[in-house]
Protein backbone atom coordinates (compact mmCIF):
# COMPACT_ATOMS: atom_id res chain seq x y z
CA ALA A 1 3.97 -8.33 -3.36
CA SER A 2 1.34 -7.19 -0.89
CA ILE A 3 1.01 -5.58 3.13
CA THR A 4 -2.18 -5.56 4.86
CA GLY A 5 -2.39 -2.98 7.40
CA THR A 6 -4.39 -0.02 8.59
CA ILE A 7 -4.14 3.25 6.61
CA ASP A 8 -2.99 5.82 8.84
CA GLU A 9 -2.51 9.29 6.63
CA ILE A 10 -3.40 9.91 3.04
CA LYS A 11 -1.79 13.28 1.32
CA ASP A 12 -1.96 14.18 -2.25
CA PHE A 13 1.23 11.85 -3.32
CA MET A 14 1.61 9.45 -0.66
CA PHE A 15 -0.05 7.25 2.33
CA THR A 16 1.19 5.57 5.20
CA ILE A 17 0.24 1.91 6.01
CA VAL A 18 0.53 0.55 9.68
CA ASP A 19 0.95 -3.18 9.46
CA ASP A 20 -0.62 -5.54 12.61
CA MET A 21 3.15 -5.26 14.43
CA GLY A 22 2.85 -1.36 14.34
CA GLU A 23 5.37 -0.40 12.19
CA ALA A 24 4.72 2.22 9.37
CA TYR A 25 5.70 2.07 6.05
CA PRO A 26 5.09 5.52 3.71
CA LEU A 27 4.16 4.83 0.26
CA SER A 28 4.62 7.51 -2.57
CA PHE A 29 2.78 7.43 -5.87
CA ASP A 30 2.78 9.51 -9.20
CA ALA A 31 -0.89 8.63 -10.23
CA GLU A 32 -3.49 7.70 -7.65
CA PRO A 33 -3.68 4.02 -7.45
CA GLU A 34 -6.51 1.87 -7.81
CA GLY A 35 -9.01 1.95 -5.17
CA LEU A 36 -7.16 4.60 -3.42
CA ALA A 37 -10.18 6.94 -3.35
CA ASP A 38 -12.45 4.01 -2.00
CA VAL A 39 -10.64 3.94 1.34
CA GLN A 40 -9.85 6.41 4.16
CA ASN A 41 -7.74 6.71 7.22
CA GLY A 42 -8.47 3.94 9.80
CA ASP A 43 -9.75 1.48 7.07
CA LYS A 44 -7.93 -2.05 7.31
CA VAL A 45 -6.55 -2.36 3.32
CA THR A 46 -4.17 -4.46 1.71
CA VAL A 47 -2.08 -2.79 -0.45
CA THR A 48 -0.15 -4.64 -3.53
CA TYR A 49 2.83 -3.17 -4.98
CA THR A 50 6.01 -3.76 -6.80
CA GLY A 51 9.68 -2.80 -5.61
CA GLU A 52 10.75 -2.97 -2.20
CA LEU A 53 9.05 -1.59 0.83
CA SER A 54 11.41 -0.03 3.68
CA ARG A 55 10.47 1.89 6.68
CA GLU A 56 13.66 4.09 5.87
CA GLU A 57 13.86 4.33 2.32
CA VAL A 58 12.22 5.68 0.08
CA PHE A 59 9.42 3.72 -1.52
CA ALA A 60 10.59 3.32 -5.06
CA GLY A 61 8.06 0.58 -6.25
CA THR A 62 4.81 1.07 -7.80
CA ILE A 63 1.25 0.58 -6.24
CA VAL A 64 -0.89 -1.62 -8.32
CA SER A 65 -3.85 -1.71 -6.11
CA VAL A 66 -5.34 -0.42 -2.68
CA GLU A 67 -8.40 -3.11 -1.49
CA LYS A 68 -10.40 -2.60 1.78
CA ALA A 69 -9.27 -5.67 3.73
CA GLU A 70 -11.77 -7.88 5.83
């Protein structure tokens, strides 16, 4: 699955993506996902992931890649 939105906050083992509706989704990871080093706060990105995305629950999936969106 994938979600497109704006990177709001990047930390050591997580980042937050805000979708076009203003909903924020915190995404955590063990190893830095492909492409994360190429983006920064405020960039519009598409995140490809496995698992379930939730605003309330801890993200239990895997982030496959982070790519700048047009």
